[in-house]
Amino acid sequence: MKKKILIIFYVFLEVYLLFNSIDVINSFKNNLNIIIYTLMPSMFFSVLFTNILLKLEFYKYIPKFLLKFFSKILNINYEEVTIILLSIFGGFPINSKLLINNKNINNIIIYTSFVSPIYFFTTVNKVYLKNFKTSLTIYLSLLLSNLLIGYLVRNKNNNYKTKKEENVHNDIYFSSLKETIITLSNIFSNILFFSILISLLNNIIKNKLINNIICGLLEFSSGIYLISYSNISLFLKGLIITFFISFNSFSIHMQLISINEKIKYKKYLLYRIINIIISVIIYFILNILISY
């Protein structure tokens, strides 16, 4: 049954592309510009440095008190603390790749959906919102909601010892570069695929704000771009962007699953909804505190 639905779906998209090629090309060009001028400059370095640091056994150089703190409150081992810290630095979907051989993958994946700070503060803050206070409020809302979920599900983790792999240091850069290219090609291909769905959406829904919100649910980077230039208040822009990033978008979901097939999607989707609720509440609280 699923196979038949997929066949119908892809045949429909092919027919749509045939009769609406101009709209699809425009949507494709828009997403390609977002990739080249906003995502690529930040994500390339984030992914590359994350791969290099992981291979260099970054956790050995993290202060012991920090390792012990996260290990205790989240009930995870030191290597998993490293994964969380690198996920904070690298952003999603790097967390999926870092957890490929991890036994706690379906617990840790639900609270490591961090947005890359390099992408967020260089692109979303400086190019789109142009307001550091709002950007910081969004980022803290997302960071705190993930850590809170991590604390709430800590008893579901198995604290185990991992086997250490030997790395040839001369090969670390080149192997990391190769993995970075593969990861980014996966990410960007998914984004470009969603161009046809965004084009279809534009032809069906005429209300611009609703269109932009649904677009953000499909592909968050395009949604953030559209919302940031919408004619709504800065507070509302921040709220919707918090919603987008907390949910990750279906494009990110597909990227995570394609990178790591061990992810239980139903559980992941449930916790994305929980993450949205928590991050939005924190966003409101932080805005109230800032206003005083």
C-alpha atoms as a PDB file:
ATOM      1  CA  MET A   1       0.000   0.000   0.000  1.00  0.00           C
ATOM      2  CA  LYS A   2       2.805   2.419   0.942  1.00  0.00           C
ATOM      3  CA  LYS A   3       4.606   1.630  -2.299  1.00  0.00           C
ATOM      4  CA  LYS A   4       1.490   2.438  -4.362  1.00  0.00           C
ATOM      5  CA  ILE A   5       1.024   5.742  -2.534  1.00  0.00           C
ATOM      6  CA  LEU A   6       4.654   6.670  -3.188  1.00  0.00           C
ATOM      7  CA  ILE A   7       4.341   5.760  -6.875  1.00  0.00           C
ATOM      8  CA  ILE A   8       1.224   7.945  -7.205  1.00  0.00           C
ATOM      9  CA  PHE A   9       2.945  10.766  -5.311  1.00  0.00           C
ATOM     10  CA  TYR A  10       6.076  10.819  -7.482  1.00  0.00           C
ATOM     11  CA  VAL A  11       4.129  10.428 -10.732  1.00  0.00           C
ATOM     12  CA  PHE A  12       1.988  13.378  -9.640  1.00  0.00           C
ATOM     13  CA  LEU A  13       5.119  15.465  -8.953  1.00  0.00           C
ATOM     14  CA  GLU A  14       6.540  14.575 -12.356  1.00  0.00           C
ATOM     15  CA  VAL A  15       3.317  15.613 -14.086  1.00  0.00           C
ATOM     16  CA  TYR A  16       3.207  18.812 -12.019  1.00  0.00           C
ATOM     17  CA  LEU A  17       6.809  19.567 -13.013  1.00  0.00           C
ATOM     18  CA  LEU A  18       5.935  19.022 -16.663  1.00  0.00           C
ATOM     19  CA  PHE A  19       3.096  21.583 -16.656  1.00  0.00           C
ATOM     20  CA  ASN A  20       4.551  24.052 -14.111  1.00  0.00           C
ATOM     21  CA  SER A  21       8.240  24.004 -14.983  1.00  0.00           C
ATOM     22  CA  ILE A  22       8.694  27.805 -14.693  1.00  0.00           C
ATOM     23  CA  ASP A  23       7.289  27.901 -11.138  1.00  0.00           C
ATOM     24  CA  VAL A  24       9.435  24.937 -10.081  1.00  0.00           C
ATOM     25  CA  ILE A  25      12.570  26.464 -11.633  1.00  0.00           C
ATOM     26  CA  ASN A  26      11.946  29.747  -9.769  1.00  0.00           C
ATOM     27  CA  SER A  27      11.467  27.890  -6.494  1.00  0.00           C
ATOM     28  CA  PHE A  28      14.591  25.834  -7.220  1.00  0.00           C
ATOM     29  CA  LYS A  29      16.614  28.998  -7.941  1.00  0.00           C
ATOM     30  CA  ASN A  30      15.409  30.596  -4.698  1.00  0.00           C
ATOM     31  CA  ASN A  31      16.426  27.556  -2.635  1.00  0.00           C
ATOM     32  CA  LEU A  32      19.729  27.324  -4.503  1.00  0.00           C
ATOM     33  CA  ASN A  33      20.489  30.956  -3.613  1.00  0.00           C
ATOM     34  CA  ILE A  34      19.707  30.233   0.043  1.00  0.00           C
ATOM     35  CA  ILE A  35      22.084  27.245  -0.060  1.00  0.00           C
ATOM     36  CA  ILE A  36      24.942  29.082  -1.778  1.00  0.00           C
ATOM     37  CA  TYR A  37      24.770  32.419   0.009  1.00  0.00           C
ATOM     38  CA  THR A  38      23.470  31.543   3.505  1.00  0.00           C
ATOM     39  CA  LEU A  39      23.751  27.829   4.298  1.00  0.00           C
ATOM     40  CA  MET A  40      26.955  26.788   2.527  1.00  0.00           C
ATOM     41  CA  PRO A  41      29.326  29.388   4.084  1.00  0.00           C
ATOM     42  CA  SER A  42      28.300  28.479   7.638  1.00  0.00           C
ATOM     43  CA  MET A  43      27.387  24.796   7.371  1.00  0.00           C
ATOM     44  CA  PHE A  44      30.530  23.749   5.502  1.00  0.00           C
ATOM     45  CA  PHE A  45      32.805  24.890   8.315  1.00  0.00           C
ATOM     46  CA  SER A  46      30.451  23.705  11.065  1.00  0.00           C
ATOM     47  CA  VAL A  47      30.277  20.178   9.632  1.00  0.00           C
ATOM     48  CA  LEU A  48      34.004  20.016   8.793  1.00  0.00           C
ATOM     49  CA  PHE A  49      35.175  21.242  12.204  1.00  0.00           C
ATOM     50  CA  THR A  50      32.710  18.934  13.960  1.00  0.00           C
ATOM     51  CA  ASN A  51      34.075  15.918  12.050  1.00  0.00           C
ATOM     52  CA  ILE A  52      37.676  16.895  12.806  1.00  0.00           C
ATOM     53  CA  LEU A  53      37.050  17.510  16.512  1.00  0.00           C
ATOM     54  CA  LEU A  54      35.262  14.183  16.855  1.00  0.00           C
ATOM     55  CA  LYS A  55      38.159  12.307  15.253  1.00  0.00           C
ATOM     56  CA  LEU A  56      40.634  14.128  17.498  1.00  0.00           C
ATOM     57  CA  GLU A  57      38.751  12.779  20.544  1.00  0.00           C
ATOM     58  CA  PHE A  58      37.674  16.251  21.583  1.00  0.00           C
ATOM     59  CA  TYR A  59      36.154  14.967  24.843  1.00  0.00           C
ATOM     60  CA  LYS A  60      39.623  14.300  26.313  1.00  0.00           C
ATOM     61  CA  TYR A  61      40.288  18.042  26.375  1.00  0.00           C
ATOM     62  CA  ILE A  62      36.969  19.146  27.844  1.00  0.00           C
ATOM     63  CA  PRO A  63      37.257  20.219  31.505  1.00  0.00           C
ATOM     64  CA  LYS A  64      36.403  17.316  33.824  1.00  0.00           C
ATOM     65  CA  PHE A  65      33.826  19.277  35.809  1.00  0.00           C
ATOM     66  CA  LEU A  66      31.881  19.984  32.600  1.00  0.00           C
ATOM     67  CA  LEU A  67      31.966  16.331  31.526  1.00  0.00           C
ATOM     68  CA  LYS A  68      30.882  15.166  34.980  1.00  0.00           C
ATOM     69  CA  PHE A  69      28.095  17.757  35.147  1.00  0.00           C
ATOM     70  CA  PHE A  70      26.474  16.787  31.832  1.00  0.00           C
ATOM     71  CA  SER A  71      27.166  13.096  32.371  1.00  0.00           C
ATOM     72  CA  LYS A  72      25.394  13.146  35.728  1.00  0.00           C
ATOM     73  CA  ILE A  73      22.338  15.235  34.888  1.00  0.00           C
ATOM     74  CA  LEU A  74      21.722  13.499  31.541  1.00  0.00           C
ATOM     75  CA  ASN A  75      22.886   9.991  32.561  1.00  0.00           C
ATOM     76  CA  ILE A  76      25.268   9.646  29.604  1.00  0.00           C
ATOM     77  CA  ASN A  77      28.949   8.788  29.173  1.00  0.00           C
ATOM     78  CA  TYR A  78      31.728  11.237  28.324  1.00  0.00           C
ATOM     79  CA  GLU A  79      31.685  10.417  24.605  1.00  0.00           C
ATOM     80  CA  GLU A  80      27.962  11.224  24.500  1.00  0.00           C
ATOM     81  CA  VAL A  81      28.619  14.509  26.285  1.00  0.00           C
ATOM     82  CA  THR A  82      31.000  15.252  23.409  1.00  0.00           C
ATOM     83  CA  ILE A  83      28.239  14.455  20.910  1.00  0.00           C
ATOM     84  CA  ILE A  84      25.910  16.916  22.640  1.00  0.00           C
ATOM     85  CA  LEU A  85      28.544  19.669  22.713  1.00  0.00           C
ATOM     86  CA  LEU A  86      29.437  19.087  19.063  1.00  0.00           C
ATOM     87  CA  SER A  87      25.703  19.056  18.171  1.00  0.00           C
ATOM     88  CA  ILE A  88      25.356  22.457  19.843  1.00  0.00           C
ATOM     89  CA  PHE A  89      28.277  23.718  17.787  1.00  0.00           C
ATOM     90  CA  GLY A  90      27.473  21.988  14.491  1.00  0.00           C
ATOM     91  CA  GLY A  91      23.665  22.053  14.587  1.00  0.00           C
ATOM     92  CA  PHE A  92      21.245  19.568  13.024  1.00  0.00           C
ATOM     93  CA  PRO A  93      21.406  17.225  11.141  1.00  0.00           C
ATOM     94  CA  ILE A  94      24.989  16.666  12.407  1.00  0.00           C
ATOM     95  CA  ASN A  95      23.535  15.032  15.531  1.00  0.00           C
ATOM     96  CA  SER A  96      22.155  12.195  13.396  1.00  0.00           C
ATOM     97  CA  LYS A  97      25.595  11.427  11.958  1.00  0.00           C
ATOM     98  CA  LEU A  98      27.309  11.632  15.361  1.00  0.00           C
ATOM     99  CA  LEU A  99      24.859   9.096  16.805  1.00  0.00           C
ATOM    100  CA  ILE A 100      25.166   6.433  14.082  1.00  0.00           C
ATOM    101  CA  ASN A 101      26.783   3.809  16.336  1.00  0.00           C
ATOM    102  CA  ASN A 102      25.260   4.983  19.609  1.00  0.00           C
ATOM    103  CA  LYS A 103      23.033   2.698  21.698  1.00  0.00           C
ATOM    104  CA  ASN A 104      21.069   5.646  23.092  1.00  0.00           C
ATOM    105  CA  ILE A 105      20.379   7.168  19.680  1.00  0.00           C
ATOM    106  CA  ASN A 106      16.582   7.323  19.971  1.00  0.00           C
ATOM    107  CA  ASN A 107      16.808   9.159  23.279  1.00  0.00           C
ATOM    108  CA  ILE A 108      19.696  11.510  22.577  1.00  0.00           C
ATOM    109  CA  ILE A 109      18.426  12.435  19.084  1.00  0.00           C
ATOM    110  CA  ILE A 110      15.303  14.029  20.584  1.00  0.00           C
ATOM    111  CA  TYR A 111      17.249  16.615  22.614  1.00  0.00           C
ATOM    112  CA  THR A 112      20.174  17.400  20.313  1.00  0.00           C
ATOM    113  CA  SER A 113      18.211  19.299  17.664  1.00  0.00           C
ATOM    114  CA  PHE A 114      20.338  22.413  17.981  1.00  0.00           C
ATOM    115  CA  VAL A 115      20.629  25.022  15.264  1.00  0.00           C
ATOM    116  CA  SER A 116      24.201  25.881  14.290  1.00  0.00           C
ATOM    117  CA  PRO A 117      25.194  29.114  16.094  1.00  0.00           C
ATOM    118  CA  ILE A 118      27.418  30.064  13.139  1.00  0.00           C
ATOM    119  CA  TYR A 119      24.443  29.846  10.756  1.00  0.00           C
ATOM    120  CA  PHE A 120      22.011  31.364  13.223  1.00  0.00           C
ATOM    121  CA  PHE A 121      23.985  34.427  14.319  1.00  0.00           C
ATOM    122  CA  THR A 122      25.648  35.181  10.977  1.00  0.00           C
ATOM    123  CA  THR A 123      22.630  34.576   8.741  1.00  0.00           C
ATOM    124  CA  VAL A 124      19.377  34.677  10.727  1.00  0.00           C
ATOM    125  CA  ASN A 125      20.562  37.465  13.034  1.00  0.00           C
ATOM    126  CA  LYS A 126      22.726  39.689  10.818  1.00  0.00           C
ATOM    127  CA  VAL A 127      21.084  39.154   7.427  1.00  0.00           C
ATOM    128  CA  TYR A 128      17.421  38.389   8.194  1.00  0.00           C
ATOM    129  CA  LEU A 129      16.223  39.702  11.562  1.00  0.00           C
ATOM    130  CA  LYS A 130      18.982  42.282  12.149  1.00  0.00           C
ATOM    131  CA  ASN A 131      18.144  42.317  15.842  1.00  0.00           C
ATOM    132  CA  PHE A 132      20.544  40.626  18.263  1.00  0.00           C
ATOM    133  CA  LYS A 133      18.170  40.695  21.263  1.00  0.00           C
ATOM    134  CA  THR A 134      15.423  38.819  19.407  1.00  0.00           C
ATOM    135  CA  SER A 135      17.938  36.405  17.882  1.00  0.00           C
ATOM    136  CA  LEU A 136      19.487  35.666  21.279  1.00  0.00           C
ATOM    137  CA  THR A 137      16.017  35.091  22.775  1.00  0.00           C
ATOM    138  CA  ILE A 138      15.212  32.580  20.022  1.00  0.00           C
ATOM    139  CA  TYR A 139      18.556  30.796  20.397  1.00  0.00           C
ATOM    140  CA  LEU A 140      18.303  30.518  24.197  1.00  0.00           C
ATOM    141  CA  SER A 141      14.716  29.233  23.908  1.00  0.00           C
ATOM    142  CA  LEU A 142      15.880  26.460  21.586  1.00  0.00           C
ATOM    143  CA  LEU A 143      18.959  25.613  23.662  1.00  0.00           C
ATOM    144  CA  LEU A 144      17.121  25.465  26.998  1.00  0.00           C
ATOM    145  CA  SER A 145      14.183  23.443  25.619  1.00  0.00           C
ATOM    146  CA  ASN A 146      16.556  20.751  24.310  1.00  0.00           C
ATOM    147  CA  LEU A 147      18.497  20.539  27.574  1.00  0.00           C
ATOM    148  CA  LEU A 148      15.260  20.389  29.591  1.00  0.00           C
ATOM    149  CA  ILE A 149      13.986  17.461  27.497  1.00  0.00           C
ATOM    150  CA  GLY A 150      17.376  15.788  27.948  1.00  0.00           C
ATOM    151  CA  TYR A 151      17.003  16.062  31.700  1.00  0.00           C
ATOM    152  CA  LEU A 152      13.417  14.753  31.641  1.00  0.00           C
ATOM    153  CA  VAL A 153      14.312  11.596  29.652  1.00  0.00           C
ATOM    154  CA  ARG A 154      17.674  10.946  31.379  1.00  0.00           C
ATOM    155  CA  ASN A 155      16.483   7.720  33.045  1.00  0.00           C
ATOM    156  CA  LYS A 156      15.839   6.140  29.640  1.00  0.00           C
ATOM    157  CA  ASN A 157      19.535   6.251  28.706  1.00  0.00           C
ATOM    158  CA  ASN A 158      21.915   3.335  29.189  1.00  0.00           C
ATOM    159  CA  ASN A 159      25.213   4.580  30.566  1.00  0.00           C
ATOM    160  CA  TYR A 160      27.744   2.315  28.865  1.00  0.00           C
ATOM    161  CA  LYS A 161      31.377   2.411  27.796  1.00  0.00           C
ATOM    162  CA  THR A 162      32.166   2.835  24.129  1.00  0.00           C
ATOM    163  CA  LYS A 163      34.978   1.226  22.203  1.00  0.00           C
ATOM    164  CA  LYS A 164      37.654   3.658  21.175  1.00  0.00           C
ATOM    165  CA  GLU A 165      38.735   3.722  17.547  1.00  0.00           C
ATOM    166  CA  GLU A 166      42.275   4.559  16.541  1.00  0.00           C
ATOM    167  CA  ASN A 167      42.615   7.495  14.169  1.00  0.00           C
ATOM    168  CA  VAL A 168      45.509   8.088  11.807  1.00  0.00           C
ATOM    169  CA  HIS A 169      46.142  11.801  12.411  1.00  0.00           C
ATOM    170  CA  ASN A 170      47.517  12.441   8.920  1.00  0.00           C
ATOM    171  CA  ASP A 171      44.244  11.216   7.470  1.00  0.00           C
ATOM    172  CA  ILE A 172      41.901  13.099   9.799  1.00  0.00           C
ATOM    173  CA  TYR A 173      41.569  16.218   7.644  1.00  0.00           C
ATOM    174  CA  PHE A 174      40.988  14.408   4.340  1.00  0.00           C
ATOM    175  CA  SER A 175      38.565  11.844   5.780  1.00  0.00           C
ATOM    176  CA  SER A 176      36.676  14.659   7.547  1.00  0.00           C
ATOM    177  CA  LEU A 177      36.555  16.636   4.311  1.00  0.00           C
ATOM    178  CA  LYS A 178      35.157  13.639   2.445  1.00  0.00           C
ATOM    179  CA  GLU A 179      32.495  13.040   5.116  1.00  0.00           C
ATOM    180  CA  THR A 180      31.619  16.746   5.071  1.00  0.00           C
ATOM    181  CA  ILE A 181      31.026  16.715   1.298  1.00  0.00           C
ATOM    182  CA  ILE A 182      28.832  13.610   1.568  1.00  0.00           C
ATOM    183  CA  THR A 183      26.825  15.061   4.472  1.00  0.00           C
ATOM    184  CA  LEU A 184      26.314  18.442   2.792  1.00  0.00           C
ATOM    185  CA  SER A 185      25.330  16.885  -0.546  1.00  0.00           C
ATOM    186  CA  ASN A 186      22.681  14.897   1.333  1.00  0.00           C
ATOM    187  CA  ILE A 187      21.416  17.992   3.145  1.00  0.00           C
ATOM    188  CA  PHE A 188      21.326  20.294   0.130  1.00  0.00           C
ATOM    189  CA  SER A 189      19.791  17.672  -2.169  1.00  0.00           C
ATOM    190  CA  ASN A 190      16.886  17.325   0.269  1.00  0.00           C
ATOM    191  CA  ILE A 191      16.417  21.093   0.339  1.00  0.00           C
ATOM    192  CA  LEU A 192      16.366  21.294  -3.455  1.00  0.00           C
ATOM    193  CA  PHE A 193      13.894  18.393  -3.662  1.00  0.00           C
ATOM    194  CA  PHE A 194      11.480  20.394  -1.530  1.00  0.00           C
ATOM    195  CA  SER A 195      11.562  23.160  -4.157  1.00  0.00           C
ATOM    196  CA  ILE A 196       8.876  21.337  -6.138  1.00  0.00           C
ATOM    197  CA  LEU A 197       6.651  20.989  -3.045  1.00  0.00           C
ATOM    198  CA  ILE A 198       7.092  24.685  -2.215  1.00  0.00           C
ATOM    199  CA  SER A 199       6.176  25.568  -5.816  1.00  0.00           C
ATOM    200  CA  LEU A 200       3.052  23.398  -5.550  1.00  0.00           C
ATOM    201  CA  LEU A 201       2.158  25.067  -2.262  1.00  0.00           C
ATOM    202  CA  ASN A 202       2.480  28.550  -3.793  1.00  0.00           C
ATOM    203  CA  ASN A 203      -0.053  27.622  -6.475  1.00  0.00           C
ATOM    204  CA  ILE A 204      -2.588  26.199  -4.013  1.00  0.00           C
ATOM    205  CA  ILE A 205      -2.472  28.606  -1.039  1.00  0.00           C
ATOM    206  CA  LYS A 206      -2.785  32.309  -1.807  1.00  0.00           C
ATOM    207  CA  ASN A 207      -2.580  33.672   1.756  1.00  0.00           C
ATOM    208  CA  LYS A 208       1.072  34.752   2.023  1.00  0.00           C
ATOM    209  CA  LEU A 209       1.538  34.292   5.795  1.00  0.00           C
ATOM    210  CA  ILE A 210      -0.073  30.825   5.857  1.00  0.00           C
ATOM    211  CA  ASN A 211       1.948  29.920   2.778  1.00  0.00           C
ATOM    212  CA  ASN A 212       5.187  31.006   4.487  1.00  0.00           C
ATOM    213  CA  ILE A 213       4.379  29.034   7.663  1.00  0.00           C
ATOM    214  CA  ILE A 214       3.628  25.826   5.754  1.00  0.00           C
ATOM    215  CA  CYS A 215       6.771  26.429   3.694  1.00  0.00           C
ATOM    216  CA  GLY A 216       8.755  26.621   6.952  1.00  0.00           C
ATOM    217  CA  LEU A 217       7.293  23.313   8.095  1.00  0.00           C
ATOM    218  CA  LEU A 218       8.427  21.743   4.829  1.00  0.00           C
ATOM    219  CA  GLU A 219      11.883  23.369   4.670  1.00  0.00           C
ATOM    220  CA  PHE A 220      12.914  25.550   7.603  1.00  0.00           C
ATOM    221  CA  SER A 221      15.679  27.653   5.968  1.00  0.00           C
ATOM    222  CA  SER A 222      13.292  28.820   3.217  1.00  0.00           C
ATOM    223  CA  GLY A 223      10.589  29.429   5.828  1.00  0.00           C
ATOM    224  CA  ILE A 224      12.920  31.541   7.982  1.00  0.00           C
ATOM    225  CA  TYR A 225      13.920  33.593   4.940  1.00  0.00           C
ATOM    226  CA  LEU A 226      10.267  34.233   3.962  1.00  0.00           C
ATOM    227  CA  ILE A 227       9.073  35.022   7.509  1.00  0.00           C
ATOM    228  CA  SER A 228      11.959  37.391   8.198  1.00  0.00           C
ATOM    229  CA  TYR A 229      10.812  39.557   5.278  1.00  0.00           C
ATOM    230  CA  SER A 230       7.092  39.296   6.108  1.00  0.00           C
ATOM    231  CA  ASN A 231       5.107  42.360   7.146  1.00  0.00           C
ATOM    232  CA  ILE A 232       4.586  41.265  10.780  1.00  0.00           C
ATOM    233  CA  SER A 233       6.009  42.356  14.136  1.00  0.00           C
ATOM    234  CA  LEU A 234       9.518  41.376  15.224  1.00  0.00           C
ATOM    235  CA  PHE A 235       8.087  39.470  18.201  1.00  0.00           C
ATOM    236  CA  LEU A 236       5.866  37.388  15.916  1.00  0.00           C
ATOM    237  CA  LYS A 237       8.748  36.764  13.524  1.00  0.00           C
ATOM    238  CA  GLY A 238      10.814  35.473  16.438  1.00  0.00           C
ATOM    239  CA  LEU A 239       7.960  33.270  17.635  1.00  0.00           C
ATOM    240  CA  ILE A 240       7.406  31.683  14.206  1.00  0.00           C
ATOM    241  CA  ILE A 241      11.153  31.151  13.666  1.00  0.00           C
ATOM    242  CA  THR A 242      11.356  29.478  17.099  1.00  0.00           C
ATOM    243  CA  PHE A 243       8.478  27.245  15.989  1.00  0.00           C
ATOM    244  CA  PHE A 244      10.230  26.381  12.692  1.00  0.00           C
ATOM    245  CA  ILE A 245      13.584  25.509  14.247  1.00  0.00           C
ATOM    246  CA  SER A 246      12.021  23.534  17.109  1.00  0.00           C
ATOM    247  CA  PHE A 247      10.112  21.417  14.626  1.00  0.00           C
ATOM    248  CA  ASN A 248      13.175  21.191  12.307  1.00  0.00           C
ATOM    249  CA  SER A 249      10.944  20.891   9.174  1.00  0.00           C
ATOM    250  CA  PHE A 250      10.168  17.734   7.219  1.00  0.00           C
ATOM    251  CA  SER A 251      13.222  18.357   5.068  1.00  0.00           C
ATOM    252  CA  ILE A 252      15.468  18.008   8.140  1.00  0.00           C
ATOM    253  CA  HIS A 253      13.499  14.946   9.265  1.00  0.00           C
ATOM    254  CA  MET A 254      14.229  13.284   5.926  1.00  0.00           C
ATOM    255  CA  GLN A 255      17.895  14.251   6.182  1.00  0.00           C
ATOM    256  CA  LEU A 256      18.189  12.743   9.662  1.00  0.00           C
ATOM    257  CA  ILE A 257      16.596   9.463   8.606  1.00  0.00           C
ATOM    258  CA  SER A 258      18.635   9.235   5.408  1.00  0.00           C
ATOM    259  CA  ILE A 259      21.844   9.750   7.412  1.00  0.00           C
ATOM    260  CA  ASN A 260      20.849   7.373  10.214  1.00  0.00           C
ATOM    261  CA  GLU A 261      18.233   4.677   9.551  1.00  0.00           C
ATOM    262  CA  LYS A 262      18.140   3.611  13.220  1.00  0.00           C
ATOM    263  CA  ILE A 263      16.039   6.628  14.181  1.00  0.00           C
ATOM    264  CA  LYS A 264      12.487   5.778  15.307  1.00  0.00           C
ATOM    265  CA  TYR A 265      10.580   8.478  13.472  1.00  0.00           C
ATOM    266  CA  LYS A 266       7.291   8.369  15.421  1.00  0.00           C
ATOM    267  CA  LYS A 267       9.113   8.975  18.706  1.00  0.00           C
ATOM    268  CA  TYR A 268      11.248  11.666  17.120  1.00  0.00           C
ATOM    269  CA  LEU A 269       8.176  13.445  15.685  1.00  0.00           C
ATOM    270  CA  LEU A 270       6.364  13.312  19.048  1.00  0.00           C
ATOM    271  CA  TYR A 271       9.289  14.981  20.803  1.00  0.00           C
ATOM    272  CA  ARG A 272       9.544  17.620  18.094  1.00  0.00           C
ATOM    273  CA  ILE A 273       6.004  18.663  19.053  1.00  0.00           C
ATOM    274  CA  ILE A 274       6.961  18.630  22.750  1.00  0.00           C
ATOM    275  CA  ASN A 275      10.054  20.663  21.893  1.00  0.00           C
ATOM    276  CA  ILE A 276       7.893  23.238  20.104  1.00  0.00           C
ATOM    277  CA  ILE A 277       5.643  23.664  23.157  1.00  0.00           C
ATOM    278  CA  ILE A 278       8.570  24.034  25.588  1.00  0.00           C
ATOM    279  CA  SER A 279      10.638  26.374  23.386  1.00  0.00           C
ATOM    280  CA  VAL A 280       7.623  28.628  22.674  1.00  0.00           C
ATOM    281  CA  ILE A 281       6.849  28.870  26.423  1.00  0.00           C
ATOM    282  CA  ILE A 282      10.505  29.739  27.139  1.00  0.00           C
ATOM    283  CA  TYR A 283      10.416  32.305  24.303  1.00  0.00           C
ATOM    284  CA  PHE A 284       7.410  34.033  25.925  1.00  0.00           C
ATOM    285  CA  ILE A 285       9.035  33.952  29.392  1.00  0.00           C
ATOM    286  CA  LEU A 286      12.340  35.400  28.116  1.00  0.00           C
ATOM    287  CA  ASN A 287      10.503  38.170  26.282  1.00  0.00           C
ATOM    288  CA  ILE A 288       8.596  39.061  29.458  1.00  0.00           C
ATOM    289  CA  LEU A 289      11.849  39.130  31.465  1.00  0.00           C
ATOM    290  CA  ILE A 290      13.605  41.257  28.845  1.00  0.00           C
ATOM    291  CA  SER A 291      10.745  43.785  28.756  1.00  0.00           C
ATOM    292  CA  TYR A 292      11.197  44.571  32.483  1.00  0.00           C
END
